[in-house]
Amino acid sequence: MGPPLRRLKTILVPIDFSDASLKAFRYAVPFAGQFGATLCLVHVIEEGSFVNDLPNVVLVRPEQERVREANRELLTLARREIEELVPINPQVRIGKPFHEIVEVAKQLKADLIIIATHGHTGLRRALLGSTAELVVRHAPCPVLVVRQKEQEFV
């Protein structure tokens, strides 16, 4: 007989507001409800990239404003999709998505991460890397990966 199953207290769900991440979120809601777990919704704002040592002028608005706006969007999503019985912990971070997701999971001692994969293959995946793959490699807990074209969970 294997080790006993852990009780899920904290389920972390990275949200970038894409259809794929919303699908992973919808997978996570029944888990949280069944186990009485808190859903930690994590949105990562990527820092502007650098080309020839010059920052891109992508960040027109101050970072704090972008963080507040993302936090509002997470709370709106939660109110629209979840019964009040499921506790929510929204987290907005600035940095590289996989790194911030893994760090939040460590800090909150997450029991499970439910993450979407966007299904990129070939050159696009090689150039961009796969956030889901990096999270799976570095996560401090089990990771459930929801594929974009996977059947719905009921």
N, C-alpha and C. Protein backbone atom coordinates (compact mmCIF):
# COMPACT_ATOMS: atom_id res chain seq x y z
N MET A 1 0.84 -1.17 0.00
CA MET A 1 0.00 0.00 0.00
C MET A 1 0.90 1.25 0.00
N GLY A 2 0.56 2.21 -0.88
CA GLY A 2 1.36 3.42 -1.02
C GLY A 2 1.11 4.41 0.11
N PRO A 3 1.78 5.55 0.03
CA PRO A 3 1.59 6.58 1.06
C PRO A 3 0.16 7.11 1.02
N PRO A 4 -0.35 7.60 2.15
CA PRO A 4 -1.71 8.12 2.16
C PRO A 4 -1.82 9.39 1.30
N LEU A 5 -2.99 9.60 0.73
CA LEU A 5 -3.21 10.79 -0.07
C LEU A 5 -3.20 12.03 0.82
N ARG A 6 -2.58 13.08 0.33
CA ARG A 6 -2.55 14.34 1.08
C ARG A 6 -3.87 15.06 0.94
N ARG A 7 -4.23 15.78 1.95
CA ARG A 7 -5.41 16.63 1.86
C ARG A 7 -4.99 17.90 1.12
N LEU A 8 -5.75 18.28 0.14
CA LEU A 8 -5.43 19.48 -0.62
C LEU A 8 -5.95 20.70 0.13
N LYS A 9 -5.03 21.57 0.54
CA LYS A 9 -5.42 22.80 1.23
C LYS A 9 -5.29 24.01 0.32
N THR A 10 -4.27 23.99 -0.53
CA THR A 10 -4.02 25.12 -1.43
C THR A 10 -3.78 24.60 -2.84
N ILE A 11 -4.62 25.05 -3.76
CA ILE A 11 -4.47 24.71 -5.18
C ILE A 11 -4.11 25.99 -5.92
N LEU A 12 -2.97 25.98 -6.58
CA LEU A 12 -2.49 27.15 -7.30
C LEU A 12 -2.86 27.03 -8.78
N VAL A 13 -3.44 28.10 -9.34
CA VAL A 13 -3.82 28.10 -10.75
C VAL A 13 -3.28 29.36 -11.42
N PRO A 14 -2.28 29.21 -12.30
CA PRO A 14 -1.78 30.37 -13.04
C PRO A 14 -2.85 30.83 -14.04
N ILE A 15 -3.10 32.14 -14.09
CA ILE A 15 -4.12 32.70 -14.97
C ILE A 15 -3.49 33.81 -15.81
N ASP A 16 -3.55 33.64 -17.14
CA ASP A 16 -3.12 34.74 -18.02
C ASP A 16 -4.32 35.27 -18.81
N PHE A 17 -5.52 34.81 -18.43
CA PHE A 17 -6.80 35.21 -19.01
C PHE A 17 -7.00 34.69 -20.42
N SER A 18 -6.15 33.77 -20.88
CA SER A 18 -6.37 33.11 -22.17
C SER A 18 -7.45 32.04 -21.98
N ASP A 19 -8.02 31.57 -23.08
CA ASP A 19 -9.02 30.50 -23.00
C ASP A 19 -8.43 29.26 -22.32
N ALA A 20 -7.17 28.96 -22.63
CA ALA A 20 -6.53 27.78 -22.04
C ALA A 20 -6.42 27.91 -20.53
N SER A 21 -6.00 29.08 -20.03
CA SER A 21 -5.86 29.22 -18.58
C SER A 21 -7.23 29.23 -17.89
N LEU A 22 -8.25 29.74 -18.58
CA LEU A 22 -9.60 29.71 -18.00
C LEU A 22 -10.12 28.27 -17.93
N LYS A 23 -9.71 27.45 -18.88
CA LYS A 23 -10.09 26.03 -18.84
C LYS A 23 -9.44 25.35 -17.64
N ALA A 24 -8.17 25.63 -17.39
CA ALA A 24 -7.48 25.07 -16.22
C ALA A 24 -8.16 25.54 -14.94
N PHE A 25 -8.54 26.81 -14.91
CA PHE A 25 -9.25 27.37 -13.76
C PHE A 25 -10.55 26.59 -13.52
N ARG A 26 -11.29 26.31 -14.59
CA ARG A 26 -12.55 25.58 -14.45
C ARG A 26 -12.33 24.13 -14.02
N TYR A 27 -11.17 23.56 -14.33
CA TYR A 27 -10.81 22.24 -13.80
C TYR A 27 -10.57 22.33 -12.29
N ALA A 28 -9.96 23.43 -11.86
CA ALA A 28 -9.55 23.57 -10.47
C ALA A 28 -10.72 23.79 -9.51
N VAL A 29 -11.77 24.44 -9.98
CA VAL A 29 -12.89 24.78 -9.09
C VAL A 29 -13.49 23.55 -8.42
N PRO A 30 -13.83 22.47 -9.16
CA PRO A 30 -14.38 21.29 -8.48
C PRO A 30 -13.41 20.64 -7.49
N PHE A 31 -12.11 20.66 -7.81
CA PHE A 31 -11.11 20.13 -6.88
C PHE A 31 -11.17 20.91 -5.57
N ALA A 32 -11.17 22.23 -5.68
CA ALA A 32 -11.20 23.07 -4.48
C ALA A 32 -12.47 22.82 -3.69
N GLY A 33 -13.59 22.74 -4.37
CA GLY A 33 -14.85 22.50 -3.68
C GLY A 33 -14.87 21.15 -2.98
N GLN A 34 -14.40 20.12 -3.65
CA GLN A 34 -14.42 18.77 -3.09
C GLN A 34 -13.50 18.64 -1.87
N PHE A 35 -12.34 19.28 -1.93
CA PHE A 35 -11.36 19.12 -0.86
C PHE A 35 -11.39 20.26 0.17
N GLY A 36 -12.26 21.25 -0.07
CA GLY A 36 -12.30 22.38 0.84
C GLY A 36 -11.02 23.20 0.78
N ALA A 37 -10.42 23.26 -0.40
CA ALA A 37 -9.14 23.94 -0.58
C ALA A 37 -9.33 25.40 -0.98
N THR A 38 -8.31 26.19 -0.73
CA THR A 38 -8.26 27.56 -1.20
C THR A 38 -7.68 27.56 -2.61
N LEU A 39 -8.29 28.33 -3.50
CA LEU A 39 -7.75 28.49 -4.85
C LEU A 39 -6.87 29.74 -4.86
N CYS A 40 -5.61 29.53 -5.17
CA CYS A 40 -4.68 30.65 -5.30
C CYS A 40 -4.55 30.94 -6.79
N LEU A 41 -5.10 32.06 -7.23
CA LEU A 41 -5.04 32.45 -8.64
C LEU A 41 -3.83 33.37 -8.83
N VAL A 42 -2.91 32.95 -9.69
CA VAL A 42 -1.66 33.70 -9.88
C VAL A 42 -1.61 34.27 -11.29
N HIS A 43 -1.44 35.57 -11.37
CA HIS A 43 -1.24 36.24 -12.65
C HIS A 43 0.14 36.88 -12.62
N VAL A 44 0.93 36.64 -13.67
CA VAL A 44 2.28 37.21 -13.71
C VAL A 44 2.36 38.24 -14.83
N ILE A 45 2.78 39.44 -14.46
CA ILE A 45 3.03 40.49 -15.43
C ILE A 45 4.50 40.41 -15.79
N GLU A 46 4.76 40.17 -17.07
CA GLU A 46 6.15 40.05 -17.49
C GLU A 46 6.80 41.41 -17.59
N GLU A 47 8.01 41.50 -17.09
CA GLU A 47 8.78 42.73 -17.20
C GLU A 47 9.09 42.97 -18.66
N GLY A 48 9.28 44.24 -19.05
CA GLY A 48 9.66 44.54 -20.43
C GLY A 48 10.97 43.88 -20.78
N SER A 49 11.07 43.40 -21.99
CA SER A 49 12.32 42.75 -22.40
C SER A 49 13.33 43.82 -22.84
N PHE A 50 14.54 43.40 -23.03
CA PHE A 50 15.60 44.33 -23.39
C PHE A 50 16.20 43.93 -24.73
N VAL A 51 16.32 44.90 -25.63
CA VAL A 51 16.95 44.67 -26.93
C VAL A 51 18.08 45.69 -27.05
N ASN A 52 19.25 45.21 -27.33
CA ASN A 52 20.43 46.09 -27.43
C ASN A 52 20.57 46.98 -26.19
N ASP A 53 20.31 46.40 -25.02
CA ASP A 53 20.42 47.10 -23.74
C ASP A 53 19.45 48.27 -23.58
N LEU A 54 18.46 48.37 -24.44
CA LEU A 54 17.45 49.43 -24.30
C LEU A 54 16.11 48.77 -23.94
N PRO A 55 15.48 49.25 -22.89
CA PRO A 55 14.19 48.65 -22.54
C PRO A 55 13.13 48.99 -23.58
N ASN A 56 12.30 48.01 -23.91
CA ASN A 56 11.17 48.28 -24.81
C ASN A 56 10.20 49.22 -24.09
N VAL A 57 9.50 50.01 -24.82
CA VAL A 57 8.56 50.95 -24.22
C VAL A 57 7.18 50.30 -24.17
N VAL A 58 7.12 49.13 -23.57
CA VAL A 58 5.87 48.39 -23.45
C VAL A 58 5.14 48.84 -22.19
N LEU A 59 5.89 49.12 -21.14
CA LEU A 59 5.29 49.50 -19.87
C LEU A 59 4.97 50.99 -19.84
N VAL A 60 3.85 51.33 -20.45
CA VAL A 60 3.44 52.72 -20.49
C VAL A 60 2.88 53.13 -19.14
N ARG A 61 2.06 52.25 -18.55
CA ARG A 61 1.46 52.54 -17.25
C ARG A 61 2.39 52.08 -16.14
N PRO A 62 2.34 52.73 -14.99
CA PRO A 62 3.16 52.29 -13.87
C PRO A 62 2.82 50.85 -13.47
N GLU A 63 3.82 50.12 -12.99
CA GLU A 63 3.62 48.72 -12.63
C GLU A 63 2.55 48.55 -11.57
N GLN A 64 2.50 49.44 -10.58
CA GLN A 64 1.51 49.29 -9.51
C GLN A 64 0.09 49.36 -10.06
N GLU A 65 -0.13 50.21 -11.04
CA GLU A 65 -1.45 50.31 -11.66
C GLU A 65 -1.80 49.01 -12.38
N ARG A 66 -0.82 48.44 -13.08
CA ARG A 66 -1.05 47.17 -13.78
C ARG A 66 -1.33 46.05 -12.78
N VAL A 67 -0.65 46.06 -11.65
CA VAL A 67 -0.87 45.04 -10.61
C VAL A 67 -2.28 45.17 -10.05
N ARG A 68 -2.71 46.40 -9.74
CA ARG A 68 -4.07 46.61 -9.20
C ARG A 68 -5.13 46.16 -10.20
N GLU A 69 -4.92 46.49 -11.47
CA GLU A 69 -5.88 46.10 -12.50
C GLU A 69 -5.96 44.58 -12.64
N ALA A 70 -4.82 43.90 -12.65
CA ALA A 70 -4.81 42.44 -12.76
C ALA A 70 -5.48 41.81 -11.54
N ASN A 71 -5.25 42.37 -10.36
CA ASN A 71 -5.89 41.87 -9.15
C ASN A 71 -7.41 42.00 -9.24
N ARG A 72 -7.89 43.14 -9.75
CA ARG A 72 -9.34 43.33 -9.95
C ARG A 72 -9.89 42.29 -10.91
N GLU A 73 -9.16 42.04 -12.00
CA GLU A 73 -9.61 41.05 -12.99
C GLU A 73 -9.69 39.65 -12.38
N LEU A 74 -8.72 39.29 -11.55
CA LEU A 74 -8.76 37.97 -10.89
C LEU A 74 -9.98 37.87 -9.98
N LEU A 75 -10.25 38.92 -9.21
CA LEU A 75 -11.40 38.90 -8.31
C LEU A 75 -12.72 38.85 -9.08
N THR A 76 -12.79 39.57 -10.19
CA THR A 76 -14.00 39.54 -11.03
C THR A 76 -14.21 38.14 -11.59
N LEU A 77 -13.15 37.52 -12.07
CA LEU A 77 -13.23 36.14 -12.58
C LEU A 77 -13.73 35.21 -11.49
N ALA A 78 -13.17 35.32 -10.31
CA ALA A 78 -13.56 34.45 -9.20
C ALA A 78 -15.04 34.65 -8.85
N ARG A 79 -15.49 35.89 -8.76
CA ARG A 79 -16.90 36.15 -8.42
C ARG A 79 -17.83 35.59 -9.47
N ARG A 80 -17.43 35.67 -10.73
CA ARG A 80 -18.28 35.22 -11.83
C ARG A 80 -18.35 33.69 -11.91
N GLU A 81 -17.27 33.00 -11.57
CA GLU A 81 -17.17 31.57 -11.84
C GLU A 81 -17.29 30.65 -10.63
N ILE A 82 -17.12 31.19 -9.41
CA ILE A 82 -17.00 30.32 -8.24
C ILE A 82 -18.08 30.62 -7.22
N GLU A 83 -18.54 29.55 -6.59
CA GLU A 83 -19.46 29.72 -5.47
C GLU A 83 -18.68 30.36 -4.32
N GLU A 84 -19.39 31.06 -3.46
CA GLU A 84 -18.73 31.76 -2.35
C GLU A 84 -18.05 30.82 -1.37
N LEU A 85 -18.39 29.53 -1.42
CA LEU A 85 -17.82 28.58 -0.46
C LEU A 85 -16.35 28.27 -0.72
N VAL A 86 -15.87 28.57 -1.93
CA VAL A 86 -14.46 28.29 -2.26
C VAL A 86 -13.63 29.54 -1.99
N PRO A 87 -12.72 29.48 -1.01
CA PRO A 87 -11.89 30.65 -0.72
C PRO A 87 -10.90 30.93 -1.85
N ILE A 88 -10.65 32.21 -2.09
CA ILE A 88 -9.76 32.65 -3.17
C ILE A 88 -8.60 33.45 -2.57
N ASN A 89 -7.42 33.23 -3.13
CA ASN A 89 -6.24 34.01 -2.75
C ASN A 89 -5.61 34.51 -4.05
N PRO A 90 -5.95 35.74 -4.49
CA PRO A 90 -5.34 36.26 -5.73
C PRO A 90 -3.92 36.74 -5.49
N GLN A 91 -3.04 36.43 -6.42
CA GLN A 91 -1.64 36.85 -6.34
C GLN A 91 -1.24 37.42 -7.70
N VAL A 92 -0.74 38.64 -7.71
CA VAL A 92 -0.23 39.24 -8.94
C VAL A 92 1.26 39.49 -8.72
N ARG A 93 2.07 38.97 -9.62
CA ARG A 93 3.52 39.09 -9.51
C ARG A 93 4.08 39.71 -10.78
N ILE A 94 5.29 40.21 -10.66
CA ILE A 94 6.00 40.77 -11.82
C ILE A 94 7.28 39.97 -12.00
N GLY A 95 7.50 39.45 -13.21
CA GLY A 95 8.71 38.68 -13.48
C GLY A 95 8.49 37.65 -14.56
N LYS A 96 9.32 36.61 -14.54
CA LYS A 96 9.19 35.51 -15.50
C LYS A 96 8.09 34.58 -14.99
N PRO A 97 7.11 34.25 -15.84
CA PRO A 97 5.96 33.48 -15.36
C PRO A 97 6.33 32.18 -14.63
N PHE A 98 7.17 31.32 -15.22
CA PHE A 98 7.43 30.05 -14.56
C PHE A 98 8.09 30.26 -13.20
N HIS A 99 9.01 31.21 -13.12
CA HIS A 99 9.73 31.45 -11.87
C HIS A 99 8.78 31.96 -10.79
N GLU A 100 7.93 32.91 -11.13
CA GLU A 100 7.00 33.48 -10.15
C GLU A 100 5.97 32.44 -9.70
N ILE A 101 5.50 31.60 -10.63
CA ILE A 101 4.54 30.54 -10.28
C ILE A 101 5.16 29.57 -9.28
N VAL A 102 6.38 29.15 -9.56
CA VAL A 102 7.09 28.22 -8.67
C VAL A 102 7.34 28.87 -7.31
N GLU A 103 7.73 30.14 -7.30
CA GLU A 103 7.99 30.84 -6.03
C GLU A 103 6.73 30.97 -5.18
N VAL A 104 5.61 31.32 -5.82
CA VAL A 104 4.34 31.42 -5.07
C VAL A 104 3.98 30.05 -4.51
N ALA A 105 4.15 28.99 -5.31
CA ALA A 105 3.85 27.64 -4.84
C ALA A 105 4.68 27.28 -3.62
N LYS A 106 5.96 27.66 -3.62
CA LYS A 106 6.83 27.39 -2.47
C LYS A 106 6.39 28.21 -1.26
N GLN A 107 6.17 29.51 -1.46
CA GLN A 107 5.81 30.39 -0.35
C GLN A 107 4.51 29.98 0.32
N LEU A 108 3.53 29.58 -0.50
CA LEU A 108 2.21 29.23 0.06
C LEU A 108 2.10 27.75 0.40
N LYS A 109 3.18 26.99 0.17
CA LYS A 109 3.17 25.54 0.40
C LYS A 109 1.99 24.90 -0.33
N ALA A 110 1.87 25.22 -1.62
CA ALA A 110 0.78 24.70 -2.45
C ALA A 110 0.83 23.18 -2.47
N ASP A 111 -0.34 22.57 -2.46
CA ASP A 111 -0.45 21.12 -2.52
C ASP A 111 -0.58 20.61 -3.95
N LEU A 112 -1.02 21.48 -4.85
CA LEU A 112 -1.24 21.10 -6.24
C LEU A 112 -1.23 22.36 -7.09
N ILE A 113 -0.65 22.24 -8.29
CA ILE A 113 -0.74 23.31 -9.29
C ILE A 113 -1.54 22.75 -10.45
N ILE A 114 -2.53 23.50 -10.91
CA ILE A 114 -3.29 23.11 -12.10
C ILE A 114 -3.01 24.20 -13.14
N ILE A 115 -2.31 23.81 -14.20
CA ILE A 115 -1.82 24.78 -15.20
C ILE A 115 -2.23 24.35 -16.60
N ALA A 116 -2.45 25.34 -17.44
CA ALA A 116 -2.79 25.08 -18.84
C ALA A 116 -1.53 25.03 -19.68
N THR A 117 -1.63 24.28 -20.77
CA THR A 117 -0.59 24.34 -21.77
C THR A 117 -1.24 24.89 -23.02
N HIS A 118 -0.54 25.74 -23.72
CA HIS A 118 -1.11 26.35 -24.92
C HIS A 118 -0.89 25.49 -26.16
N GLY A 119 -0.20 24.38 -25.99
CA GLY A 119 -0.05 23.43 -27.09
C GLY A 119 0.87 23.86 -28.20
N HIS A 120 1.82 24.76 -27.93
CA HIS A 120 2.76 25.14 -28.97
C HIS A 120 3.72 23.99 -29.24
N THR A 121 4.06 23.80 -30.51
CA THR A 121 5.01 22.76 -30.87
C THR A 121 6.06 23.35 -31.79
N GLY A 122 7.08 22.58 -32.03
CA GLY A 122 8.10 22.95 -33.00
C GLY A 122 8.84 24.21 -32.67
N LEU A 123 9.09 25.05 -33.69
CA LEU A 123 9.92 26.23 -33.55
C LEU A 123 9.35 27.22 -32.54
N ARG A 124 8.04 27.44 -32.55
CA ARG A 124 7.46 28.41 -31.62
C ARG A 124 7.73 28.00 -30.18
N ARG A 125 7.59 26.71 -29.85
CA ARG A 125 7.86 26.23 -28.50
C ARG A 125 9.35 26.36 -28.17
N ALA A 126 10.18 26.05 -29.16
CA ALA A 126 11.63 26.13 -28.92
C ALA A 126 12.05 27.57 -28.63
N LEU A 127 11.46 28.53 -29.33
CA LEU A 127 11.82 29.92 -29.13
C LEU A 127 11.24 30.49 -27.84
N LEU A 128 10.00 30.17 -27.56
CA LEU A 128 9.33 30.75 -26.40
C LEU A 128 9.56 29.96 -25.13
N GLY A 129 9.86 28.68 -25.25
CA GLY A 129 9.91 27.82 -24.08
C GLY A 129 8.49 27.53 -23.64
N SER A 130 8.32 26.60 -22.78
CA SER A 130 6.98 26.25 -22.32
C SER A 130 6.90 26.52 -20.82
N THR A 131 6.06 27.50 -20.46
CA THR A 131 5.89 27.81 -19.04
C THR A 131 5.43 26.58 -18.29
N ALA A 132 4.45 25.87 -18.86
CA ALA A 132 3.94 24.67 -18.18
C ALA A 132 5.06 23.65 -17.96
N GLU A 133 5.88 23.44 -18.97
CA GLU A 133 6.97 22.46 -18.85
C GLU A 133 7.96 22.87 -17.77
N LEU A 134 8.30 24.15 -17.72
CA LEU A 134 9.23 24.63 -16.71
C LEU A 134 8.63 24.54 -15.31
N VAL A 135 7.35 24.81 -15.18
CA VAL A 135 6.68 24.68 -13.89
C VAL A 135 6.71 23.22 -13.44
N VAL A 136 6.40 22.31 -14.36
CA VAL A 136 6.43 20.87 -14.03
C VAL A 136 7.82 20.48 -13.52
N ARG A 137 8.87 20.96 -14.17
CA ARG A 137 10.23 20.61 -13.79
C ARG A 137 10.65 21.14 -12.43
N HIS A 138 10.17 22.34 -12.08
CA HIS A 138 10.68 23.02 -10.90
C HIS A 138 9.69 23.13 -9.75
N ALA A 139 8.47 22.69 -9.93
CA ALA A 139 7.44 22.85 -8.90
C ALA A 139 7.75 22.04 -7.64
N PRO A 140 7.38 22.57 -6.49
CA PRO A 140 7.61 21.86 -5.23
C PRO A 140 6.47 20.91 -4.88
N CYS A 141 5.51 20.73 -5.80
CA CYS A 141 4.34 19.90 -5.53
C CYS A 141 3.86 19.27 -6.84
N PRO A 142 2.89 18.36 -6.77
CA PRO A 142 2.36 17.79 -8.02
C PRO A 142 1.74 18.86 -8.91
N VAL A 143 1.80 18.61 -10.23
CA VAL A 143 1.25 19.53 -11.22
C VAL A 143 0.31 18.76 -12.13
N LEU A 144 -0.90 19.27 -12.28
CA LEU A 144 -1.86 18.71 -13.22
C LEU A 144 -1.87 19.65 -14.42
N VAL A 145 -1.54 19.13 -15.60
CA VAL A 145 -1.47 19.95 -16.81
C VAL A 145 -2.72 19.71 -17.62
N VAL A 146 -3.44 20.79 -17.92
CA VAL A 146 -4.66 20.73 -18.71
C VAL A 146 -4.32 21.14 -20.13
N ARG A 147 -4.49 20.21 -21.04
CA ARG A 147 -4.19 20.49 -22.44
C ARG A 147 -5.32 21.32 -23.05
N GLN A 148 -4.97 22.17 -23.98
CA GLN A 148 -5.94 23.07 -24.58
C GLN A 148 -7.05 22.30 -25.29
N LYS A 149 -6.73 21.21 -25.95
CA LYS A 149 -7.73 20.48 -26.72
C LYS A 149 -8.20 19.22 -26.02
N GLU A 150 -8.11 19.20 -24.71
CA GLU A 150 -8.53 18.05 -23.92
C GLU A 150 -10.04 18.11 -23.69
N GLN A 151 -10.64 16.94 -23.49
CA GLN A 151 -12.07 16.92 -23.23
C GLN A 151 -12.39 17.64 -21.92
N GLU A 152 -13.62 18.12 -21.82
CA GLU A 152 -14.04 18.85 -20.64
C GLU A 152 -14.10 17.95 -19.43
N PHE A 153 -13.86 18.50 -18.27
CA PHE A 153 -13.90 17.79 -17.00
C PHE A 153 -15.27 18.01 -16.38
N VAL A 154 -15.91 16.92 -15.99
CA VAL A 154 -17.23 17.05 -15.34
C VAL A 154 -17.25 16.43 -13.98
